[in-house]
PDB file of N, CA and C in Angstrom:
ATOM      1  N   MET A   1       0.846  -1.188   0.000  1.00  0.00           N
ATOM      2  CA  MET A   1       0.000   0.000   0.000  1.00  0.00           C
ATOM      3  C   MET A   1       0.884   1.241   0.000  1.00  0.00           C
ATOM      4  N   ILE A   2       0.365   2.290  -0.628  1.00  0.00           N
ATOM      5  CA  ILE A   2       1.022   3.588  -0.609  1.00  0.00           C
ATOM      6  C   ILE A   2       0.040   4.617  -0.062  1.00  0.00           C
ATOM      7  N   THR A   3       0.571   5.706   0.422  1.00  0.00           N
ATOM      8  CA  THR A   3      -0.257   6.826   0.868  1.00  0.00           C
ATOM      9  C   THR A   3       0.112   8.031   0.028  1.00  0.00           C
ATOM     10  N   VAL A   4      -0.904   8.718  -0.490  1.00  0.00           N
ATOM     11  CA  VAL A   4      -0.678   9.928  -1.276  1.00  0.00           C
ATOM     12  C   VAL A   4      -1.511  11.062  -0.690  1.00  0.00           C
ATOM     13  N   LYS A   5      -1.034  12.265  -0.919  1.00  0.00           N
ATOM     14  CA  LYS A   5      -1.766  13.464  -0.504  1.00  0.00           C
ATOM     15  C   LYS A   5      -2.352  14.095  -1.754  1.00  0.00           C
ATOM     16  N   ILE A   6      -3.613  14.476  -1.678  1.00  0.00           N
ATOM     17  CA  ILE A   6      -4.306  15.115  -2.801  1.00  0.00           C
ATOM     18  C   ILE A   6      -4.655  16.531  -2.372  1.00  0.00           C
ATOM     19  N   VAL A   7      -4.217  17.510  -3.157  1.00  0.00           N
ATOM     20  CA  VAL A   7      -4.531  18.902  -2.857  1.00  0.00           C
ATOM     21  C   VAL A   7      -5.447  19.445  -3.948  1.00  0.00           C
ATOM     22  N   THR A   8      -6.347  20.338  -3.541  1.00  0.00           N
ATOM     23  CA  THR A   8      -7.356  20.850  -4.465  1.00  0.00           C
ATOM     24  C   THR A   8      -7.349  22.369  -4.488  1.00  0.00           C
ATOM     25  N   PHE A   9      -7.842  22.913  -5.572  1.00  0.00           N
ATOM     26  CA  PHE A   9      -7.890  24.357  -5.770  1.00  0.00           C
ATOM     27  C   PHE A   9      -9.224  24.738  -6.407  1.00  0.00           C
ATOM     28  N   GLY A  10      -9.638  25.981  -6.174  1.00  0.00           N
ATOM     29  CA  GLY A  10     -10.787  26.561  -6.853  1.00  0.00           C
ATOM     30  C   GLY A  10     -12.042  25.720  -6.792  1.00  0.00           C
ATOM     31  N   ILE A  11     -12.663  25.556  -7.954  1.00  0.00           N
ATOM     32  CA  ILE A  11     -13.937  24.858  -8.033  1.00  0.00           C
ATOM     33  C   ILE A  11     -13.810  23.389  -7.618  1.00  0.00           C
ATOM     34  N   VAL A  12     -12.644  22.791  -7.818  1.00  0.00           N
ATOM     35  CA  VAL A  12     -12.445  21.404  -7.395  1.00  0.00           C
ATOM     36  C   VAL A  12     -12.599  21.302  -5.880  1.00  0.00           C
ATOM     37  N   ARG A  13     -12.041  22.263  -5.175  1.00  0.00           N
ATOM     38  CA  ARG A  13     -12.187  22.276  -3.709  1.00  0.00           C
ATOM     39  C   ARG A  13     -13.661  22.334  -3.337  1.00  0.00           C
ATOM     40  N   ASP A  14     -14.425  23.170  -4.027  1.00  0.00           N
ATOM     41  CA  ASP A  14     -15.865  23.266  -3.762  1.00  0.00           C
ATOM     42  C   ASP A  14     -16.570  21.938  -4.029  1.00  0.00           C
ATOM     43  N   MET A  15     -16.198  21.270  -5.115  1.00  0.00           N
ATOM     44  CA  MET A  15     -16.819  20.003  -5.480  1.00  0.00           C
ATOM     45  C   MET A  15     -16.521  18.898  -4.472  1.00  0.00           C
ATOM     46  N   LEU A  16     -15.425  19.043  -3.747  1.00  0.00           N
ATOM     47  CA  LEU A  16     -15.052  18.062  -2.730  1.00  0.00           C
ATOM     48  C   LEU A  16     -15.478  18.513  -1.346  1.00  0.00           C
ATOM     49  N   GLY A  17     -16.480  19.374  -1.292  1.00  0.00           N
ATOM     50  CA  GLY A  17     -17.036  19.798  -0.014  1.00  0.00           C
ATOM     51  C   GLY A  17     -16.147  20.730   0.778  1.00  0.00           C
ATOM     52  N   GLY A  18     -15.299  21.500   0.086  1.00  0.00           N
ATOM     53  CA  GLY A  18     -14.443  22.473   0.752  1.00  0.00           C
ATOM     54  C   GLY A  18     -13.129  21.902   1.254  1.00  0.00           C
ATOM     55  N   GLN A  19     -12.853  20.650   0.957  1.00  0.00           N
ATOM     56  CA  GLN A  19     -11.612  20.027   1.421  1.00  0.00           C
ATOM     57  C   GLN A  19     -10.429  20.503   0.572  1.00  0.00           C
ATOM     58  N   SER A  20      -9.418  21.062   1.222  1.00  0.00           N
ATOM     59  CA  SER A  20      -8.235  21.521   0.488  1.00  0.00           C
ATOM     60  C   SER A  20      -7.184  20.428   0.369  1.00  0.00           C
ATOM     61  N   ALA A  21      -7.280  19.391   1.202  1.00  0.00           N
ATOM     62  CA  ALA A  21      -6.324  18.288   1.131  1.00  0.00           C
ATOM     63  C   ALA A  21      -6.978  16.998   1.625  1.00  0.00           C
ATOM     64  N   LEU A  22      -6.636  15.915   0.972  1.00  0.00           N
ATOM     65  CA  LEU A  22      -7.104  14.575   1.335  1.00  0.00           C
ATOM     66  C   LEU A  22      -5.902  13.651   1.386  1.00  0.00           C
ATOM     67  N   THR A  23      -6.005  12.618   2.147  1.00  0.00           N
ATOM     68  CA  THR A  23      -4.990  11.573   2.155  1.00  0.00           C
ATOM     69  C   THR A  23      -5.667  10.279   1.759  1.00  0.00           C
ATOM     70  N   GLU A  24      -5.054   9.560   0.832  1.00  0.00           N
ATOM     71  CA  GLU A  24      -5.610   8.290   0.359  1.00  0.00           C
ATOM     72  C   GLU A  24      -4.580   7.188   0.508  1.00  0.00           C
ATOM     73  N   SER A  25      -5.022   6.035   0.947  1.00  0.00           N
ATOM     74  CA  SER A  25      -4.210   4.820   0.939  1.00  0.00           C
ATOM     75  C   SER A  25      -4.643   4.003  -0.262  1.00  0.00           C
ATOM     76  N   LEU A  26      -3.673   3.633  -1.091  1.00  0.00           N
ATOM     77  CA  LEU A  26      -3.961   2.984  -2.367  1.00  0.00           C
ATOM     78  C   LEU A  26      -3.047   1.774  -2.564  1.00  0.00           C
ATOM     79  N   PRO A  27      -3.447   0.848  -3.430  1.00  0.00           N
ATOM     80  CA  PRO A  27      -2.545  -0.259  -3.764  1.00  0.00           C
ATOM     81  C   PRO A  27      -1.258   0.282  -4.399  1.00  0.00           C
ATOM     82  N   SER A  28      -0.174  -0.430  -4.235  1.00  0.00           N
ATOM     83  CA  SER A  28       1.128   0.068  -4.686  1.00  0.00           C
ATOM     84  C   SER A  28       1.261   0.217  -6.195  1.00  0.00           C
ATOM     85  N   ASP A  29       0.405  -0.411  -6.972  1.00  0.00           N
ATOM     86  CA  ASP A  29       0.488  -0.297  -8.431  1.00  0.00           C
ATOM     87  C   ASP A  29      -0.527   0.693  -9.009  1.00  0.00           C
ATOM     88  N   THR A  30      -1.006   1.617  -8.192  1.00  0.00           N
ATOM     89  CA  THR A  30      -2.033   2.574  -8.628  1.00  0.00           C
ATOM     90  C   THR A  30      -1.444   3.595  -9.593  1.00  0.00           C
ATOM     91  N   ARG A  31      -2.143   3.774 -10.706  1.00  0.00           N
ATOM     92  CA  ARG A  31      -1.771   4.819 -11.669  1.00  0.00           C
ATOM     93  C   ARG A  31      -2.667   6.035 -11.429  1.00  0.00           C
ATOM     94  N   LEU A  32      -2.258   7.156 -11.963  1.00  0.00           N
ATOM     95  CA  LEU A  32      -3.046   8.377 -11.840  1.00  0.00           C
ATOM     96  C   LEU A  32      -4.439   8.179 -12.423  1.00  0.00           C
ATOM     97  N   GLU A  33      -4.534   7.405 -13.473  1.00  0.00           N
ATOM     98  CA  GLU A  33      -5.833   7.092 -14.085  1.00  0.00           C
ATOM     99  C   GLU A  33      -6.753   6.382 -13.085  1.00  0.00           C
ATOM    100  N   ASP A  34      -6.192   5.477 -12.289  1.00  0.00           N
ATOM    101  CA  ASP A  34      -6.976   4.752 -11.288  1.00  0.00           C
ATOM    102  C   ASP A  34      -7.474   5.702 -10.195  1.00  0.00           C
ATOM    103  N   LEU A  35      -6.597   6.596  -9.757  1.00  0.00           N
ATOM    104  CA  LEU A  35      -6.987   7.571  -8.743  1.00  0.00           C
ATOM    105  C   LEU A  35      -8.071   8.488  -9.290  1.00  0.00           C
ATOM    106  N   SER A  36      -7.937   8.901 -10.540  1.00  0.00           N
ATOM    107  CA  SER A  36      -8.945   9.752 -11.169  1.00  0.00           C
ATOM    108  C   SER A  36     -10.311   9.059 -11.174  1.00  0.00           C
ATOM    109  N   ALA A  37     -10.338   7.781 -11.536  1.00  0.00           N
ATOM    110  CA  ALA A  37     -11.601   7.025 -11.548  1.00  0.00           C
ATOM    111  C   ALA A  37     -12.183   6.922 -10.143  1.00  0.00           C
ATOM    112  N   LEU A  38     -11.339   6.680  -9.150  1.00  0.00           N
ATOM    113  CA  LEU A  38     -11.792   6.597  -7.764  1.00  0.00           C
ATOM    114  C   LEU A  38     -12.426   7.908  -7.324  1.00  0.00           C
ATOM    115  N   LEU A  39     -11.758   9.022  -7.631  1.00  0.00           N
ATOM    116  CA  LEU A  39     -12.289  10.329  -7.232  1.00  0.00           C
ATOM    117  C   LEU A  39     -13.566  10.667  -7.982  1.00  0.00           C
ATOM    118  N   ASN A  40     -13.639  10.302  -9.265  1.00  0.00           N
ATOM    119  CA  ASN A  40     -14.861  10.552 -10.039  1.00  0.00           C
ATOM    120  C   ASN A  40     -16.040   9.759  -9.495  1.00  0.00           C
ATOM    121  N   ASP A  41     -15.785   8.550  -9.011  1.00  0.00           N
ATOM    122  CA  ASP A  41     -16.854   7.750  -8.405  1.00  0.00           C
ATOM    123  C   ASP A  41     -17.288   8.358  -7.075  1.00  0.00           C
ATOM    124  N   ARG A  42     -16.332   8.798  -6.292  1.00  0.00           N
ATOM    125  CA  ARG A  42     -16.627   9.353  -4.974  1.00  0.00           C
ATOM    126  C   ARG A  42     -17.237  10.751  -5.056  1.00  0.00           C
ATOM    127  N   TYR A  43     -16.798  11.533  -6.033  1.00  0.00           N
ATOM    128  CA  TYR A  43     -17.271  12.919  -6.205  1.00  0.00           C
ATOM    129  C   TYR A  43     -17.728  13.098  -7.654  1.00  0.00           C
ATOM    130  N   PRO A  44     -18.945  12.653  -7.989  1.00  0.00           N
ATOM    131  CA  PRO A  44     -19.423  12.672  -9.380  1.00  0.00           C
ATOM    132  C   PRO A  44     -19.373  14.051 -10.047  1.00  0.00           C
ATOM    133  N   ALA A  45     -19.425  15.116  -9.284  1.00  0.00           N
ATOM    134  CA  ALA A  45     -19.370  16.458  -9.879  1.00  0.00           C
ATOM    135  C   ALA A  45     -18.065  16.681 -10.645  1.00  0.00           C
ATOM    136  N   LEU A  46     -17.003  15.983 -10.278  1.00  0.00           N
ATOM    137  CA  LEU A  46     -15.722  16.130 -10.976  1.00  0.00           C
ATOM    138  C   LEU A  46     -15.819  15.738 -12.449  1.00  0.00           C
ATOM    139  N   ARG A  47     -16.747  14.871 -12.780  1.00  0.00           N
ATOM    140  CA  ARG A  47     -16.902  14.417 -14.169  1.00  0.00           C
ATOM    141  C   ARG A  47     -17.259  15.564 -15.115  1.00  0.00           C
ATOM    142  N   ARG A  48     -17.805  16.640 -14.557  1.00  0.00           N
ATOM    143  CA  ARG A  48     -18.199  17.791 -15.393  1.00  0.00           C
ATOM    144  C   ARG A  48     -17.003  18.624 -15.847  1.00  0.00           C
ATOM    145  N   LEU A  49     -15.837  18.397 -15.253  1.00  0.00           N
ATOM    146  CA  LEU A  49     -14.660  19.197 -15.590  1.00  0.00           C
ATOM    147  C   LEU A  49     -13.831  18.505 -16.674  1.00  0.00           C
ATOM    148  N   ASP A  50     -14.113  18.852 -17.920  1.00  0.00           N
ATOM    149  CA  ASP A  50     -13.399  18.240 -19.038  1.00  0.00           C
ATOM    150  C   ASP A  50     -11.918  18.603 -19.048  1.00  0.00           C
ATOM    151  N   ALA A  51     -11.588  19.764 -18.534  1.00  0.00           N
ATOM    152  CA  ALA A  51     -10.213  20.248 -18.606  1.00  0.00           C
ATOM    153  C   ALA A  51      -9.462  20.108 -17.287  1.00  0.00           C
ATOM    154  N   LEU A  52      -9.903  19.214 -16.403  1.00  0.00           N
ATOM    155  CA  LEU A  52      -9.206  18.996 -15.140  1.00  0.00           C
ATOM    156  C   LEU A  52      -7.819  18.422 -15.419  1.00  0.00           C
ATOM    157  N   ARG A  53      -6.805  19.039 -14.842  1.00  0.00           N
ATOM    158  CA  ARG A  53      -5.415  18.577 -15.021  1.00  0.00           C
ATOM    159  C   ARG A  53      -4.898  18.034 -13.699  1.00  0.00           C
ATOM    160  N   TYR A  54      -3.880  17.228 -13.784  1.00  0.00           N
ATOM    161  CA  TYR A  54      -3.262  16.628 -12.610  1.00  0.00           C
ATOM    162  C   TYR A  54      -1.777  16.944 -12.608  1.00  0.00           C
ATOM    163  N   ALA A  55      -1.251  17.183 -11.421  1.00  0.00           N
ATOM    164  CA  ALA A  55       0.189  17.331 -11.241  1.00  0.00           C
ATOM    165  C   ALA A  55       0.610  16.372 -10.137  1.00  0.00           C
ATOM    166  N   VAL A  56       1.737  15.728 -10.340  1.00  0.00           N
ATOM    167  CA  VAL A  56       2.315  14.843  -9.332  1.00  0.00           C
ATOM    168  C   VAL A  56       3.633  15.468  -8.902  1.00  0.00           C
ATOM    169  N   ASN A  57       3.712  15.795  -7.626  1.00  0.00           N
ATOM    170  CA  ASN A  57       4.903  16.441  -7.071  1.00  0.00           C
ATOM    171  C   ASN A  57       5.284  17.698  -7.856  1.00  0.00           C
ATOM    172  N   ALA A  58       4.269  18.536  -8.105  1.00  0.00           N
ATOM    173  CA  ALA A  58       4.418  19.854  -8.736  1.00  0.00           C
ATOM    174  C   ALA A  58       4.782  19.805 -10.221  1.00  0.00           C
ATOM    175  N   ARG A  59       4.564  18.664 -10.876  1.00  0.00           N
ATOM    176  CA  ARG A  59       4.789  18.568 -12.326  1.00  0.00           C
ATOM    177  C   ARG A  59       3.543  17.979 -12.974  1.00  0.00           C
ATOM    178  N   TYR A  60       3.092  18.623 -14.055  1.00  0.00           N
ATOM    179  CA  TYR A  60       1.954  18.059 -14.769  1.00  0.00           C
ATOM    180  C   TYR A  60       2.265  16.614 -15.148  1.00  0.00           C
ATOM    181  N   ALA A  61       1.228  15.764 -15.051  1.00  0.00           N
ATOM    182  CA  ALA A  61       1.443  14.339 -15.293  1.00  0.00           C
ATOM    183  C   ALA A  61       0.299  13.765 -16.119  1.00  0.00           C
ATOM    184  N   GLY A  62       0.641  12.795 -16.947  1.00  0.00           N
ATOM    185  CA  GLY A  62      -0.350  12.038 -17.693  1.00  0.00           C
ATOM    186  C   GLY A  62      -0.952  10.965 -16.808  1.00  0.00           C
ATOM    187  N   LYS A  63      -2.088  10.476 -17.215  1.00  0.00           N
ATOM    188  CA  LYS A  63      -2.805   9.509 -16.383  1.00  0.00           C
ATOM    189  C   LYS A  63      -2.146   8.141 -16.336  1.00  0.00           C
ATOM    190  N   ASP A  64      -1.101   7.918 -17.133  1.00  0.00           N
ATOM    191  CA  ASP A  64      -0.419   6.624 -17.106  1.00  0.00           C
ATOM    192  C   ASP A  64       0.690   6.554 -16.057  1.00  0.00           C
ATOM    193  N   VAL A  65       0.928   7.644 -15.322  1.00  0.00           N
ATOM    194  CA  VAL A  65       1.969   7.688 -14.296  1.00  0.00           C
ATOM    195  C   VAL A  65       1.582   6.784 -13.129  1.00  0.00           C
ATOM    196  N   THR A  66       2.525   5.956 -12.696  1.00  0.00           N
ATOM    197  CA  THR A  66       2.308   5.123 -11.516  1.00  0.00           C
ATOM    198  C   THR A  66       2.674   5.939 -10.284  1.00  0.00           C
ATOM    199  N   LEU A  67       1.762   5.981  -9.336  1.00  0.00           N
ATOM    200  CA  LEU A  67       1.972   6.782  -8.130  1.00  0.00           C
ATOM    201  C   LEU A  67       2.903   6.076  -7.156  1.00  0.00           C
ATOM    202  N   GLN A  68       3.628   6.886  -6.392  1.00  0.00           N
ATOM    203  CA  GLN A  68       4.579   6.385  -5.408  1.00  0.00           C
ATOM    204  C   GLN A  68       4.160   6.835  -4.014  1.00  0.00           C
ATOM    205  N   HIS A  69       4.644   6.136  -3.005  1.00  0.00           N
ATOM    206  CA  HIS A  69       4.358   6.496  -1.622  1.00  0.00           C
ATOM    207  C   HIS A  69       4.789   7.942  -1.359  1.00  0.00           C
ATOM    208  N   ASN A  70       3.914   8.683  -0.704  1.00  0.00           N
ATOM    209  CA  ASN A  70       4.125  10.093  -0.323  1.00  0.00           C
ATOM    210  C   ASN A  70       4.069  11.078  -1.481  1.00  0.00           C
ATOM    211  N   ASP A  71       3.601  10.662  -2.656  1.00  0.00           N
ATOM    212  CA  ASP A  71       3.398  11.620  -3.745  1.00  0.00           C
ATOM    213  C   ASP A  71       2.334  12.638  -3.345  1.00  0.00           C
ATOM    214  N   GLU A  72       2.471  13.839  -3.887  1.00  0.00           N
ATOM    215  CA  GLU A  72       1.444  14.865  -3.723  1.00  0.00           C
ATOM    216  C   GLU A  72       0.799  15.077  -5.083  1.00  0.00           C
ATOM    217  N   ILE A  73      -0.505  14.868  -5.158  1.00  0.00           N
ATOM    218  CA  ILE A  73      -1.252  15.004  -6.401  1.00  0.00           C
ATOM    219  C   ILE A  73      -2.129  16.239  -6.295  1.00  0.00           C
ATOM    220  N   ALA A  74      -1.951  17.149  -7.232  1.00  0.00           N
ATOM    221  CA  ALA A  74      -2.773  18.357  -7.274  1.00  0.00           C
ATOM    222  C   ALA A  74      -3.823  18.196  -8.357  1.00  0.00           C
ATOM    223  N   LEU A  75      -5.061  18.533  -8.012  1.00  0.00           N
ATOM    224  CA  LEU A  75      -6.158  18.558  -8.974  1.00  0.00           C
ATOM    225  C   LEU A  75      -6.322  19.999  -9.392  1.00  0.00           C
ATOM    226  N   ILE A  76      -6.017  20.290 -10.649  1.00  0.00           N
ATOM    227  CA  ILE A  76      -5.971  21.662 -11.136  1.00  0.00           C
ATOM    228  C   ILE A  76      -7.158  21.912 -12.048  1.00  0.00           C
ATOM    229  N   PRO A  77      -8.069  22.778 -11.622  1.00  0.00           N
ATOM    230  CA  PRO A  77      -9.262  23.053 -12.428  1.00  0.00           C
ATOM    231  C   PRO A  77      -8.914  23.952 -13.613  1.00  0.00           C
ATOM    232  N   PRO A  78      -9.826  24.002 -14.590  1.00  0.00           N
ATOM    233  CA  PRO A  78      -9.626  24.949 -15.686  1.00  0.00           C
ATOM    234  C   PRO A  78      -9.643  26.372 -15.139  1.00  0.00           C
ATOM    235  N   VAL A  79      -8.842  27.225 -15.732  1.00  0.00           N
ATOM    236  CA  VAL A  79      -8.786  28.622 -15.291  1.00  0.00           C
ATOM    237  C   VAL A  79      -9.050  29.527 -16.483  1.00  0.00           C
ATOM    238  N   SER A  80      -9.493  30.719 -16.187  1.00  0.00           N
ATOM    239  CA  SER A  80      -9.661  31.721 -17.243  1.00  0.00           C
ATOM    240  C   SER A  80      -9.145  33.036 -16.703  1.00  0.00           C
ATOM    241  N   GLY A  81      -8.836  33.878 -17.574  1.00  0.00           N
ATOM    242  CA  GLY A  81      -8.305  35.166 -17.129  1.00  0.00           C
ATOM    243  C   GLY A  81      -8.366  36.159 -18.266  1.00  0.00           C
ATOM    244  N   GLY A  82      -7.823  37.259 -18.005  1.00  0.00           N
ATOM    245  CA  GLY A  82      -7.864  38.260 -19.065  1.00  0.00           C
ATOM    246  C   GLY A  82      -6.904  39.358 -18.789  1.00  0.00           C
TER     247      GLY A  82
END
């Protein structure tokens, strides 16, 4: 088993009930794609965010990345500005 920290920002934080950080215990072969599916099942509102990005240890990551013990995963919502 591994433990990872999940941090949230903006609308993602709202969708997770105001939680800015979560800790998850996962099987050691968990990929980012697996974590994404778990979070989408637990928080269905996340499915509405087509442009949700993920970062692992402060670097953008593809969903095929295998997570490691003590990784920090950031859920980055779409942003707009001007």
